[in-house]
Amino acid sequence: MNAREATTTTKATTDVRAKNRGVGFWRFLIGSIFAFALTFIWMLFFTGEVRALEVISGSMEPTLQKGDRLIVRTLHEGVIPRDSVVIFKSPDDEGPELVKRVAGVPGDLVEMRRGLIYVNGILSTPPGWKEIDLYWGEDFQKILGAEEYWVLGDNRMFSHDSTEFGAIGRSLIHGEVVYRYAPGERAGGVQ
């Protein structure tokens, strides 16, 4: 091998090593981030701060559908924001936990007028609401107490919710839905 070929070979080897060092750094960085994320998620599930849940009814359609798999974050203290999607123990039976949207928070005036729910005088409409969903029942008014919440299903006509069992206590609410992870085509945040 002459001097020119040796120089070219040395330069090529140096270029390949430099490229490999760059690739190695990025692989290390991405691997480290991935490992940290998995560790963080495992710790959250292990400590009970988050858990997985499957939707078993159509009461929250179109927002949540039967078979959707959700990540639920445990709620500890404090006021739960209006429009949050929460998981709670049904106040009137020992059945499975229910998934509903918070329509009224402590201090709100909840009314039923001619079959429609109003919160603080504003018609309560779920996401994707296109037509009038009438409830059957008598008109009423209720001011929610310091620890009371009014929860409604987005599929109002087919939901076992506060229109049937009334306001629920804060102690019954276990968590807030933060993410839908399956099915894959519907994965994402829940609003």
Protein backbone atom coordinates (compact mmCIF):
# COMPACT_ATOMS: atom_id res chain seq x y z
CA MET A 1 0.00 0.00 0.00
CA ASN A 2 1.41 3.37 -0.93
CA ALA A 3 1.27 6.51 1.20
CA ARG A 4 -1.70 7.94 -0.66
CA GLU A 5 -3.80 4.77 -0.17
CA ALA A 6 -2.83 4.63 3.51
CA THR A 7 -3.91 8.25 4.02
CA THR A 8 -7.25 7.60 2.29
CA THR A 9 -7.84 4.44 4.33
CA THR A 10 -6.95 6.20 7.58
CA LYS A 11 -9.25 9.13 6.73
CA ALA A 12 -12.14 6.78 5.84
CA THR A 13 -11.66 4.83 9.08
CA THR A 14 -11.60 8.07 11.07
CA ASP A 15 -14.82 9.29 9.34
CA VAL A 16 -16.62 5.99 10.11
CA ARG A 17 -15.52 6.12 13.76
CA ALA A 18 -16.70 9.73 14.07
CA LYS A 19 -20.08 8.82 12.59
CA ASN A 20 -20.37 5.81 14.88
CA ARG A 21 -19.58 7.96 17.91
CA GLY A 22 -22.45 10.32 16.95
CA VAL A 23 -24.84 7.41 16.44
CA GLY A 24 -23.69 5.83 19.69
CA PHE A 25 -24.36 9.02 21.62
CA TRP A 26 -27.90 9.34 20.24
CA ARG A 27 -28.64 5.66 20.88
CA PHE A 28 -27.42 6.07 24.44
CA LEU A 29 -29.52 9.23 24.95
CA ILE A 30 -32.70 7.74 23.47
CA GLY A 31 -32.17 4.49 25.40
CA SER A 32 -31.67 6.41 28.64
CA ILE A 33 -34.83 8.48 28.11
CA PHE A 34 -36.81 5.35 27.28
CA ALA A 35 -35.51 3.53 30.38
CA PHE A 36 -36.30 6.55 32.59
CA ALA A 37 -39.84 6.77 31.15
CA LEU A 38 -40.48 3.06 31.73
CA THR A 39 -39.14 3.28 35.28
CA PHE A 40 -41.33 6.33 35.97
CA ILE A 41 -44.45 4.61 34.61
CA TRP A 42 -43.70 1.42 36.59
CA MET A 43 -43.24 3.45 39.78
CA LEU A 44 -46.56 5.24 39.24
CA PHE A 45 -48.43 1.94 38.82
CA PHE A 46 -46.55 0.33 41.72
CA THR A 47 -47.42 3.17 44.12
CA GLY A 48 -51.07 3.17 43.04
CA GLU A 49 -51.00 6.74 41.71
CA VAL A 50 -52.21 5.56 38.31
CA ARG A 51 -54.02 2.46 37.16
CA ALA A 52 -55.59 1.01 34.05
CA LEU A 53 -59.34 0.64 33.54
CA GLU A 54 -61.58 -0.66 30.74
CA VAL A 55 -64.85 1.07 29.78
CA ILE A 56 -67.73 -1.42 30.06
CA SER A 57 -70.74 0.72 29.08
CA GLY A 58 -71.78 3.22 26.44
CA SER A 59 -72.81 5.95 28.89
CA MET A 60 -69.90 8.23 27.88
CA GLU A 61 -70.22 7.86 24.09
CA PRO A 62 -68.95 9.39 21.89
CA THR A 63 -66.10 10.50 24.21
CA LEU A 64 -65.45 7.00 25.56
CA GLN A 65 -66.65 3.79 23.95
CA LYS A 66 -67.07 0.24 25.23
CA GLY A 67 -63.68 -1.46 25.28
CA ASP A 68 -61.63 1.75 25.53
CA ARG A 69 -58.71 1.25 27.92
CA LEU A 70 -57.87 4.19 30.13
CA ILE A 71 -55.13 5.45 32.42
CA VAL A 72 -56.68 6.84 35.60
CA ARG A 73 -54.78 9.16 37.97
CA THR A 74 -55.63 8.93 41.67
CA LEU A 75 -57.16 12.10 43.11
CA HIS A 76 -56.28 12.99 46.67
CA GLU A 77 -57.49 16.36 47.89
CA GLY A 78 -58.85 19.56 46.46
CA VAL A 79 -61.68 20.62 44.19
CA ILE A 80 -62.12 18.57 41.03
CA PRO A 81 -62.46 20.85 37.98
CA ARG A 82 -65.70 21.02 36.03
CA ASP A 83 -65.64 18.91 32.82
CA SER A 84 -63.11 16.43 34.27
CA VAL A 85 -63.88 12.80 33.42
CA VAL A 86 -63.80 10.91 36.72
CA ILE A 87 -64.08 7.40 38.11
CA PHE A 88 -66.22 6.90 41.22
CA LYS A 89 -68.06 4.33 43.27
CA SER A 90 -71.76 4.28 42.48
CA PRO A 91 -73.63 5.71 45.48
CA ASP A 92 -76.64 3.44 45.09
CA ASP A 93 -75.21 -0.04 44.57
CA GLU A 94 -72.17 -2.24 44.89
CA GLY A 95 -71.61 -2.55 41.13
CA PRO A 96 -68.50 -1.56 39.19
CA GLU A 97 -67.04 1.91 39.31
CA LEU A 98 -68.71 4.45 37.05
CA VAL A 99 -67.08 6.84 34.55
CA LYS A 100 -68.77 10.24 34.15
CA ARG A 101 -68.06 13.91 33.46
CA VAL A 102 -68.18 16.46 36.30
CA ALA A 103 -70.94 18.91 35.34
CA GLY A 104 -71.35 20.67 38.69
CA VAL A 105 -68.87 21.48 41.46
CA PRO A 106 -69.42 22.64 45.05
CA GLY A 107 -71.51 25.81 45.20
CA ASP A 108 -73.07 25.39 41.73
CA LEU A 109 -76.82 25.63 41.14
CA VAL A 110 -78.01 22.57 39.19
CA GLU A 111 -81.49 22.67 37.66
CA MET A 112 -83.64 20.48 35.47
CA ARG A 113 -86.03 22.46 33.29
CA ARG A 114 -88.32 20.70 30.82
CA GLY A 115 -85.98 17.73 30.72
CA LEU A 116 -82.70 19.65 30.24
CA ILE A 117 -79.92 20.15 32.80
CA TYR A 118 -78.66 23.67 33.54
CA VAL A 119 -75.65 24.48 35.71
CA ASN A 120 -75.58 28.07 37.03
CA GLY A 121 -78.23 28.96 34.43
CA ILE A 122 -76.22 27.59 31.46
CA LEU A 123 -77.41 24.55 29.50
CA SER A 124 -75.08 21.63 30.22
CA THR A 125 -74.13 20.03 26.90
CA PRO A 126 -71.68 17.18 26.48
CA PRO A 127 -68.98 17.17 23.76
CA GLY A 128 -70.41 16.29 20.36
CA TRP A 129 -73.95 17.20 21.44
CA LYS A 130 -76.03 17.55 18.29
CA GLU A 131 -79.62 17.16 19.28
CA ILE A 132 -81.76 17.76 22.31
CA ASP A 133 -81.28 14.96 24.83
CA LEU A 134 -84.35 15.04 27.03
CA TYR A 135 -84.38 13.59 30.51
CA TRP A 136 -87.60 12.30 31.89
CA GLY A 137 -88.42 13.54 35.33
CA GLU A 138 -89.68 16.47 37.29
CA ASP A 139 -88.06 19.89 37.25
CA PHE A 140 -85.83 20.60 40.25
CA GLN A 141 -83.18 22.94 41.65
CA LYS A 142 -80.24 22.03 43.87
CA ILE A 143 -77.31 24.01 45.19
CA LEU A 144 -74.36 21.67 45.59
CA GLY A 145 -72.82 21.45 49.05
CA ALA A 146 -69.15 21.89 49.97
CA GLU A 147 -68.24 18.27 49.11
CA GLU A 148 -70.88 17.53 46.43
CA TYR A 149 -70.46 16.99 42.69
CA TRP A 150 -72.96 16.56 39.88
CA VAL A 151 -71.82 13.95 37.37
CA LEU A 152 -73.36 13.21 33.98
CA GLY A 153 -72.66 10.76 31.18
CA ASP A 154 -71.97 12.26 27.75
CA ASN A 155 -74.56 9.84 26.32
CA ARG A 156 -77.24 11.52 28.41
CA MET A 157 -80.22 9.36 27.44
CA PHE A 158 -78.45 6.13 28.39
CA SER A 159 -76.46 7.06 31.46
CA HIS A 160 -76.85 6.06 35.10
CA ASP A 161 -75.76 9.39 36.60
CA SER A 162 -76.70 12.23 38.98
CA THR A 163 -80.10 12.64 37.30
CA GLU A 164 -80.95 9.27 38.88
CA PHE A 165 -78.94 9.12 42.10
CA GLY A 166 -78.37 12.84 42.81
CA ALA A 167 -75.14 14.58 43.77
CA ILE A 168 -72.21 12.46 44.89
CA GLY A 169 -69.80 13.11 47.74
CA ARG A 170 -66.14 13.89 47.07
CA SER A 171 -65.14 10.76 49.00
CA LEU A 172 -66.71 8.54 46.31
CA ILE A 173 -64.50 9.93 43.53
CA HIS A 174 -61.38 7.79 43.11
CA GLY A 175 -59.61 9.20 40.09
CA GLU A 176 -59.50 11.25 36.91
CA VAL A 177 -59.14 9.81 33.41
CA VAL A 178 -55.96 11.23 31.88
CA TYR A 179 -55.30 9.09 28.79
CA ARG A 180 -56.84 6.47 26.51
CA TYR A 181 -54.16 3.96 25.44
CA ALA A 182 -56.29 1.48 23.46
CA PRO A 183 -57.57 0.88 20.90
CA GLY A 184 -54.57 2.35 19.11
CA GLU A 185 -56.55 4.41 16.58
CA ARG A 186 -58.35 6.20 19.45
CA ALA A 187 -55.30 6.59 21.73
CA GLY A 188 -54.74 10.03 23.21
CA GLY A 189 -55.95 12.46 25.84
CA VAL A 190 -59.58 12.43 26.99
CA GLN A 191 -61.44 15.72 26.92
